[in-house]
C-alpha atoms as a PDB file:
ATOM      1  CA  MET A   1      79.476 -52.619 -35.028  1.00  0.00           C
ATOM      2  CA  VAL A   2      79.293 -54.731 -38.172  1.00  0.00           C
ATOM      3  CA  ASP A   3      75.592 -55.846 -36.902  1.00  0.00           C
ATOM      4  CA  GLY A   4      74.881 -52.124 -36.646  1.00  0.00           C
ATOM      5  CA  LEU A   5      75.124 -51.981 -40.713  1.00  0.00           C
ATOM      6  CA  PRO A   6      72.219 -50.854 -42.575  1.00  0.00           C
ATOM      7  CA  ARG A   7      70.620 -53.829 -45.024  1.00  0.00           C
ATOM      8  CA  ASN A   8      72.087 -51.579 -47.590  1.00  0.00           C
ATOM      9  CA  SER A   9      75.524 -51.702 -46.977  1.00  0.00           C
ATOM     10  CA  ARG A  10      78.145 -53.311 -48.866  1.00  0.00           C
ATOM     11  CA  TYR A  11      78.599 -55.925 -46.293  1.00  0.00           C
ATOM     12  CA  ALA A  12      75.442 -56.872 -46.495  1.00  0.00           C
ATOM     13  CA  GLU A  13      75.544 -56.959 -50.200  1.00  0.00           C
ATOM     14  CA  ALA A  14      78.841 -58.971 -49.802  1.00  0.00           C
ATOM     15  CA  VAL A  15      77.250 -61.620 -47.079  1.00  0.00           C
ATOM     16  CA  SER A  16      73.943 -62.241 -49.187  1.00  0.00           C
ATOM     17  CA  GLN A  17      75.886 -63.008 -52.181  1.00  0.00           C
ATOM     18  CA  ASP A  18      78.125 -65.304 -50.114  1.00  0.00           C
ATOM     19  CA  ASP A  19      77.363 -69.356 -51.559  1.00  0.00           C
ATOM     20  CA  GLU A  20      78.728 -71.242 -48.740  1.00  0.00           C
ATOM     21  CA  LEU A  21      77.071 -68.821 -46.124  1.00  0.00           C
ATOM     22  CA  ALA A  22      73.445 -69.428 -48.089  1.00  0.00           C
ATOM     23  CA  GLU A  23      74.388 -72.938 -48.207  1.00  0.00           C
ATOM     24  CA  ALA A  24      74.807 -73.215 -44.415  1.00  0.00           C
ATOM     25  CA  LEU A  25      71.456 -71.197 -44.118  1.00  0.00           C
ATOM     26  CA  VAL A  26      69.390 -73.022 -45.992  1.00  0.00           C
ATOM     27  CA  ASP A  27      70.452 -76.619 -44.635  1.00  0.00           C
ATOM     28  CA  LYS A  28      68.987 -75.356 -41.009  1.00  0.00           C
ATOM     29  CA  ASP A  29      65.713 -76.402 -40.400  1.00  0.00           C
ATOM     30  CA  ASP A  30      64.300 -73.361 -39.085  1.00  0.00           C
ATOM     31  CA  LEU A  31      63.577 -71.485 -42.107  1.00  0.00           C
ATOM     32  CA  VAL A  32      61.259 -68.552 -41.315  1.00  0.00           C
ATOM     33  CA  PRO A  33      61.053 -65.709 -42.969  1.00  0.00           C
ATOM     34  CA  VAL A  34      62.382 -62.649 -41.347  1.00  0.00           C
ATOM     35  CA  GLY A  35      61.153 -59.012 -41.372  1.00  0.00           C
ATOM     36  CA  PRO A  36      63.120 -55.885 -41.404  1.00  0.00           C
ATOM     37  CA  ARG A  37      65.053 -54.966 -38.168  1.00  0.00           C
ATOM     38  CA  VAL A  38      63.403 -53.501 -35.079  1.00  0.00           C
ATOM     39  CA  SER A  39      65.593 -50.459 -35.415  1.00  0.00           C
ATOM     40  CA  GLU A  40      65.339 -50.073 -39.451  1.00  0.00           C
ATOM     41  CA  PHE A  41      61.209 -49.931 -38.902  1.00  0.00           C
ATOM     42  CA  THR A  42      60.694 -46.515 -38.691  1.00  0.00           C
ATOM     43  CA  PRO A  43      57.302 -44.951 -38.419  1.00  0.00           C
ATOM     44  CA  GLU A  44      57.487 -43.768 -41.703  1.00  0.00           C
ATOM     45  CA  VAL A  45      58.792 -47.319 -42.712  1.00  0.00           C
ATOM     46  CA  GLU A  46      55.496 -48.523 -40.719  1.00  0.00           C
ATOM     47  CA  MET A  47      53.170 -46.266 -42.290  1.00  0.00           C
ATOM     48  CA  LEU A  48      54.588 -47.280 -45.807  1.00  0.00           C
ATOM     49  CA  THR A  49      54.034 -50.812 -44.799  1.00  0.00           C
ATOM     50  CA  ALA A  50      50.554 -50.376 -43.694  1.00  0.00           C
ATOM     51  CA  ILE A  51      49.499 -48.613 -46.870  1.00  0.00           C
ATOM     52  CA  PHE A  52      51.376 -51.407 -48.743  1.00  0.00           C
ATOM     53  CA  ASP A  53      48.823 -54.278 -47.190  1.00  0.00           C
ATOM     54  CA  ARG A  54      46.036 -51.848 -47.857  1.00  0.00           C
ATOM     55  CA  LEU A  55      46.681 -51.532 -51.682  1.00  0.00           C
ATOM     56  CA  GLY A  56      47.129 -55.045 -51.723  1.00  0.00           C
ATOM     57  CA  GLU A  57      43.457 -55.506 -50.156  1.00  0.00           C
ATOM     58  CA  LEU A  58      42.229 -52.828 -52.539  1.00  0.00           C
ATOM     59  CA  GLY A  59      43.650 -54.867 -55.427  1.00  0.00           C
ATOM     60  CA  GLN A  60      41.746 -58.051 -54.113  1.00  0.00           C
ATOM     61  CA  ILE A  61      38.587 -56.491 -53.828  1.00  0.00           C
ATOM     62  CA  PHE A  62      38.612 -54.562 -57.006  1.00  0.00           C
ATOM     63  CA  ALA A  63      39.615 -58.314 -58.497  1.00  0.00           C
ATOM     64  CA  ALA A  64      36.725 -60.139 -56.704  1.00  0.00           C
ATOM     65  CA  SER A  65      34.024 -56.889 -57.933  1.00  0.00           C
ATOM     66  CA  ARG A  66      35.245 -57.927 -61.291  1.00  0.00           C
ATOM     67  CA  GLY A  67      34.225 -61.606 -61.258  1.00  0.00           C
ATOM     68  CA  GLY A  68      37.543 -62.908 -60.552  1.00  0.00           C
ATOM     69  CA  LYS A  69      39.351 -64.996 -58.284  1.00  0.00           C
ATOM     70  CA  ALA A  70      40.916 -63.196 -55.273  1.00  0.00           C
ATOM     71  CA  GLY A  71      44.385 -64.285 -54.669  1.00  0.00           C
ATOM     72  CA  ARG A  72      45.289 -64.347 -50.515  1.00  0.00           C
ATOM     73  CA  VAL A  73      47.187 -61.053 -50.024  1.00  0.00           C
ATOM     74  CA  GLN A  74      50.662 -61.503 -48.324  1.00  0.00           C
ATOM     75  CA  PRO A  75      51.356 -58.786 -45.989  1.00  0.00           C
ATOM     76  CA  ALA A  76      54.465 -56.873 -45.807  1.00  0.00           C
ATOM     77  CA  PRO A  77      57.217 -58.239 -43.428  1.00  0.00           C
ATOM     78  CA  ARG A  78      57.448 -56.571 -40.003  1.00  0.00           C
ATOM     79  CA  PRO A  79      60.102 -57.202 -37.449  1.00  0.00           C
ATOM     80  CA  ARG A  80      60.128 -60.318 -35.456  1.00  0.00           C
ATOM     81  CA  THR A  81      60.994 -59.793 -31.941  1.00  0.00           C
ATOM     82  CA  ALA A  82      61.472 -62.419 -29.016  1.00  0.00           C
ATOM     83  CA  ARG A  83      58.077 -62.407 -27.906  1.00  0.00           C
ATOM     84  CA  ASP A  84      56.822 -63.178 -31.595  1.00  0.00           C
ATOM     85  CA  ARG A  85      59.174 -66.028 -31.433  1.00  0.00           C
ATOM     86  CA  VAL A  86      58.459 -67.428 -27.971  1.00  0.00           C
ATOM     87  CA  ALA A  87      54.349 -67.286 -29.184  1.00  0.00           C
ATOM     88  CA  ARG A  88      55.041 -69.078 -32.392  1.00  0.00           C
ATOM     89  CA  ARG A  89      56.671 -71.791 -30.292  1.00  0.00           C
ATOM     90  CA  ARG A  90      53.954 -71.850 -27.732  1.00  0.00           C
ATOM     91  CA  ARG A  91      51.168 -71.995 -30.463  1.00  0.00           C
ATOM     92  CA  GLU A  92      53.510 -74.793 -32.426  1.00  0.00           C
ATOM     93  CA  LYS A  93      53.783 -76.490 -28.925  1.00  0.00           C
ATOM     94  CA  LYS A  94      50.027 -76.676 -28.418  1.00  0.00           C
ATOM     95  CA  HIS A  95      49.547 -77.801 -31.648  1.00  0.00           C
ATOM     96  CA  ARG A  96      51.395 -80.902 -31.254  1.00  0.00           C
ATOM     97  CA  SER A  97      49.988 -81.571 -27.867  1.00  0.00           C
ATOM     98  CA  LEU A  98      46.548 -81.452 -29.569  1.00  0.00           C
ATOM     99  CA  VAL A  99      47.395 -83.674 -32.642  1.00  0.00           C
ATOM    100  CA  ALA A 100      48.909 -85.906 -29.952  1.00  0.00           C
ATOM    101  CA  ARG A 101      45.604 -86.486 -28.051  1.00  0.00           C
ATOM    102  CA  LEU A 102      43.130 -86.369 -31.186  1.00  0.00           C
ATOM    103  CA  LEU A 103      45.510 -87.982 -33.380  1.00  0.00           C
ATOM    104  CA  PRO A 104      47.914 -90.623 -32.022  1.00  0.00           C
ATOM    105  CA  HIS A 105      48.710 -92.099 -35.205  1.00  0.00           C
ATOM    106  CA  LYS A 106      49.830 -88.854 -36.657  1.00  0.00           C
ATOM    107  CA  ALA A 107      51.495 -87.230 -33.719  1.00  0.00           C
ATOM    108  CA  ASN A 108      54.727 -89.624 -33.983  1.00  0.00           C
ATOM    109  CA  PRO A 109      55.096 -90.396 -37.947  1.00  0.00           C
ATOM    110  CA  PRO A 110      57.031 -93.802 -37.897  1.00  0.00           C
ATOM    111  CA  SER A 111      61.050 -93.611 -38.879  1.00  0.00           C
ATOM    112  CA  SER A 112      62.263 -94.515 -42.193  1.00  0.00           C
END
C-alpha cells in the first residue's frame, strides 16, 4: 500500500530526506534517471509534458534565430517500463559486442 502513495505524500517526502537511503542509492552502479510512475502519467500530464518539450524546442529555435548558440533541450521525463529497460539492456549489449569486434583493446580495459 505504501508504494501506491502519490509522489507528493508525506511518506515520499520523508523517504526523499533519508540520508542513509540516499547513500545506499548513490552507491548503486545503475543510476538512471527515473520518470514518473505509469499510474501518475495521466493523459493530462502526458499533454503537459509534450507542451513542455515543445516550449523548450521553441526556445532553442528562438536562440538560434537571434544568432545565439542553441543548447540541447532535455525532454521532460517519461515513465520507464519493463519494455524500456529490456530495450536499453539490448542496445548496451549490442554496443559492447560491436566495440569488442571493432576495438578489442577498448572492450576489456585493464584492471587497476
